[in-house]
Amino acid sequence: MKNIIIFGAPGSGKGTYSEEIVTRYNMGHISTGDVLRAEMKNGTELGRIARQYIDNGQLIPDDLMIDILAKVYDEQEGGHSGVIFDGFPRTIAQAEALKQMLARRGHTMGMMIELDVDEETLMARLLRRAEIEGRADDNEETIKKRFAVYHQQTEPLAKWFEQEGIRHAFTWKGSKEQMLQEIFEKIEKEN
C-alpha cells in the first residue's frame, strides 16, 4: 500500500474519509492537529518548541513540522500498510519537504486524494458542525476567511501534485457512499 495525502478545503471531509480509508486498508493516520496536541501534551522537546510558536500566535516553521511528522512517521512504520497524511502538506514548500523526508526513508508520497466540494455545501457542513460541536471557530465570517486562506495558500498545491503525477480529484455529487466508493476503486487500482 502506498502513502496517501488527503487534500481539500475546510469541511470537505478529510477526517471522515481518512477514517474510512484507515479502517478498510489498515493504514496509519497522521493528523497534524492531533500530532501537535499530543507532542505538547506529552511535553516533548518538539512539543515545547511548537508551543512557543503557537502561544505567540505564529505558524510553526516548516522544518519543525517536518521534524515532528518524521518522528511520528518513524514510530508508526511497520504496523500497517501505509500512512494517510491529513492536514499536511498545506504549501508547496511543505510538500517538497515531505517528499524529501519520505525519500530519505526509501518511501514516496504515493497518491494525493483531493476532495472537491462546492463552497455552499462546505459552509452548510461547517455551520452544522458548529451547532453540534459548539466550535466557536465555525462561524460564517471565520469560515469565509478560512476559505480565502485555502484558495490563496493551499489550493495552488493541487497543481504541484498534478505535476508530480499523484493527484486524484473526487467531486462531491451529494453522496458520501458514492464518493467513498470512487476513492476505494482508485486506491485499489493504484496499489
Protein backbone atom coordinates (compact mmCIF):
# COMPACT_ATOMS: atom_id res chain seq x y z
CA MET A 1 0.00 0.00 0.00
CA LYS A 2 1.18 3.49 -0.77
CA ASN A 3 1.11 6.52 1.47
CA ILE A 4 -1.85 8.82 0.84
CA ILE A 5 -2.18 12.57 1.25
CA ILE A 6 -5.79 13.65 1.77
CA PHE A 7 -6.46 17.14 0.49
CA GLY A 8 -9.38 19.54 0.43
CA ALA A 9 -10.93 22.74 1.71
CA PRO A 10 -12.13 23.12 5.32
CA GLY A 11 -15.23 20.95 5.76
CA SER A 12 -14.53 18.75 2.74
CA GLY A 13 -14.45 15.61 4.88
CA LYS A 14 -10.72 14.91 5.19
CA GLY A 15 -11.08 13.42 8.68
CA THR A 16 -14.21 11.45 7.81
CA TYR A 17 -12.78 9.92 4.63
CA SER A 18 -9.41 9.30 6.31
CA GLU A 19 -11.12 7.19 8.99
CA GLU A 20 -12.88 5.10 6.33
CA ILE A 21 -9.64 4.53 4.38
CA VAL A 22 -7.64 3.73 7.53
CA THR A 23 -10.20 1.10 8.57
CA ARG A 24 -10.56 -0.52 5.16
CA TYR A 25 -6.84 -0.71 4.33
CA ASN A 26 -5.18 -0.97 7.77
CA MET A 27 -3.31 2.29 7.31
CA GLY A 28 -1.70 4.61 9.80
CA HIS A 29 -3.19 8.10 10.18
CA ILE A 30 -1.14 11.22 10.83
CA SER A 31 -3.24 14.30 11.50
CA THR A 32 -1.06 17.35 12.06
CA GLY A 33 -3.51 18.83 14.56
CA ASP A 34 -3.61 15.62 16.61
CA VAL A 35 0.18 15.23 16.41
CA LEU A 36 0.85 18.78 17.63
CA ARG A 37 -1.62 18.46 20.51
CA ALA A 38 -0.04 15.13 21.56
CA GLU A 39 3.53 16.45 21.39
CA MET A 40 2.59 19.48 23.51
CA LYS A 41 0.54 17.43 25.98
CA ASN A 42 3.39 14.93 26.43
CA GLY A 43 5.87 17.77 27.00
CA THR A 44 8.33 16.53 24.37
CA GLU A 45 11.13 18.82 23.25
CA LEU A 46 9.46 19.23 19.86
CA GLY A 47 6.15 19.90 21.62
CA ARG A 48 7.70 22.60 23.82
CA ILE A 49 9.23 24.32 20.80
CA ALA A 50 5.92 24.11 18.90
CA ARG A 51 4.02 25.55 21.88
CA GLN A 52 6.30 28.63 21.89
CA TYR A 53 5.26 29.40 18.31
CA ILE A 54 1.57 28.70 18.93
CA ASP A 55 1.47 30.70 22.17
CA ASN A 56 2.94 33.67 20.29
CA GLY A 57 0.29 33.35 17.55
CA GLN A 58 2.85 32.24 14.97
CA LEU A 59 2.76 29.43 12.45
CA ILE A 60 5.08 26.54 13.14
CA PRO A 61 8.04 26.67 10.73
CA ASP A 62 8.03 24.02 8.01
CA ASP A 63 11.30 22.42 9.15
CA LEU A 64 9.96 21.95 12.70
CA MET A 65 6.70 20.49 11.40
CA ILE A 66 8.64 18.05 9.19
CA ASP A 67 10.78 17.01 12.19
CA ILE A 68 7.62 16.32 14.20
CA LEU A 69 5.97 14.40 11.35
CA ALA A 70 9.16 12.40 10.70
CA LYS A 71 9.23 11.32 14.36
CA VAL A 72 5.59 10.21 14.26
CA TYR A 73 6.02 8.55 10.85
CA ASP A 74 9.02 6.56 12.09
CA GLU A 75 7.09 5.46 15.19
CA GLN A 76 4.19 4.19 13.05
CA GLU A 77 6.22 2.42 10.39
CA GLY A 78 5.78 -1.31 10.04
CA GLY A 79 2.46 -1.97 11.76
CA HIS A 80 0.28 -1.02 8.80
CA SER A 81 0.19 -0.83 5.03
CA GLY A 82 0.91 2.88 4.59
CA VAL A 83 0.06 6.24 6.16
CA ILE A 84 -2.55 8.89 5.45
CA PHE A 85 -1.29 12.44 5.91
CA ASP A 86 -4.27 14.56 6.98
CA GLY A 87 -3.76 18.34 7.16
CA PHE A 88 -0.26 18.30 5.73
CA PRO A 89 1.22 19.50 3.48
CA ARG A 90 -0.54 22.85 3.03
CA THR A 91 2.06 24.62 0.91
CA ILE A 92 4.42 23.69 -1.92
CA ALA A 93 7.42 24.13 0.40
CA GLN A 94 5.86 21.67 2.87
CA ALA A 95 5.12 19.20 0.06
CA GLU A 96 8.71 19.34 -1.14
CA ALA A 97 9.98 18.85 2.42
CA LEU A 98 7.63 15.88 2.95
CA LYS A 99 8.77 14.34 -0.35
CA GLN A 100 12.42 14.66 0.74
CA MET A 101 11.73 13.27 4.24
CA LEU A 102 10.00 10.21 2.76
CA ALA A 103 12.70 9.74 0.09
CA ARG A 104 15.38 9.58 2.83
CA ARG A 105 13.45 6.55 4.14
CA GLY A 106 13.08 4.98 0.70
CA HIS A 107 9.36 5.86 0.57
CA THR A 108 7.16 8.05 -1.61
CA MET A 109 4.09 10.22 -1.09
CA GLY A 110 2.11 7.61 -3.03
CA MET A 111 -1.07 9.38 -4.06
CA MET A 112 -3.00 12.54 -3.27
CA ILE A 113 -6.74 12.29 -2.84
CA GLU A 114 -8.43 15.64 -3.42
CA LEU A 115 -11.94 16.11 -2.03
CA ASP A 116 -13.62 18.69 -4.29
CA VAL A 117 -16.76 20.06 -2.62
CA ASP A 118 -18.62 23.24 -3.57
CA GLU A 119 -18.41 26.12 -1.07
CA GLU A 120 -22.17 26.22 -0.43
CA THR A 121 -22.05 22.61 0.79
CA LEU A 122 -18.86 23.29 2.77
CA MET A 123 -20.42 26.31 4.50
CA ALA A 124 -23.54 24.31 5.44
CA ARG A 125 -21.40 21.46 6.81
CA LEU A 126 -19.22 23.75 8.90
CA LEU A 127 -22.15 25.70 10.32
CA ARG A 128 -23.87 22.40 11.19
CA ARG A 129 -20.65 21.21 12.87
CA ALA A 130 -20.59 24.43 14.88
CA GLU A 131 -24.11 23.70 16.17
CA ILE A 132 -23.30 20.08 17.04
CA GLU A 133 -19.80 20.53 18.50
CA GLY A 134 -20.09 24.11 19.74
CA ARG A 135 -16.96 25.20 17.84
CA ALA A 136 -16.54 28.96 18.07
CA ASP A 137 -14.25 29.00 15.01
CA ASP A 138 -17.06 27.67 12.80
CA ASN A 139 -18.99 30.90 12.24
CA GLU A 140 -19.73 32.33 8.80
CA GLU A 141 -17.17 35.16 8.95
CA THR A 142 -14.34 32.92 10.14
CA ILE A 143 -15.26 30.20 7.65
CA LYS A 144 -15.07 32.70 4.77
CA LYS A 145 -11.60 33.76 5.95
CA ARG A 146 -10.52 30.11 6.12
CA PHE A 147 -11.79 29.59 2.55
CA ALA A 148 -9.79 32.65 1.39
CA VAL A 149 -6.62 31.32 3.03
CA TYR A 150 -7.24 27.91 1.46
CA HIS A 151 -7.66 29.41 -2.02
CA GLN A 152 -4.59 31.65 -1.69
CA GLN A 153 -2.12 29.37 0.09
CA THR A 154 -3.21 25.74 -0.17
CA GLU A 155 -5.16 25.33 -3.41
CA PRO A 156 -2.08 26.07 -5.61
CA LEU A 157 -0.55 22.92 -4.13
CA ALA A 158 -3.03 20.85 -6.18
CA LYS A 159 -1.14 21.85 -9.34
CA TRP A 160 2.13 20.73 -7.74
CA PHE A 161 0.61 17.31 -7.02
CA GLU A 162 -0.65 17.21 -10.61
CA GLN A 163 2.90 17.81 -11.88
CA GLU A 164 4.13 15.03 -9.57
CA GLY A 165 1.59 12.72 -11.25
CA ILE A 166 -0.13 11.72 -8.00
CA ARG A 167 -3.24 13.97 -7.92
CA HIS A 168 -6.60 12.22 -7.95
CA ALA A 169 -9.63 14.51 -7.59
CA PHE A 170 -13.07 13.34 -6.45
CA THR A 171 -16.04 15.69 -6.85
CA TRP A 172 -18.88 15.70 -4.33
CA LYS A 173 -22.13 14.62 -6.00
CA GLY A 174 -24.30 14.56 -2.89
CA SER A 175 -23.48 11.09 -1.58
CA LYS A 176 -20.72 10.15 0.85
CA GLU A 177 -21.10 6.49 -0.13
CA GLN A 178 -20.69 7.23 -3.85
CA MET A 179 -17.61 9.38 -3.29
CA LEU A 180 -16.13 6.79 -0.94
CA GLN A 181 -16.69 4.02 -3.49
CA GLU A 182 -14.89 6.07 -6.17
CA ILE A 183 -11.99 6.68 -3.77
CA PHE A 184 -11.76 2.97 -2.86
CA GLU A 185 -11.75 1.99 -6.55
CA LYS A 186 -8.89 4.43 -7.29
CA ILE A 187 -6.86 3.27 -4.28
CA GLU A 188 -7.24 -0.37 -5.32
CA LYS A 189 -6.34 0.41 -8.93
CA GLU A 190 -3.21 2.33 -7.86
CA ASN A 191 -1.91 -0.34 -5.45
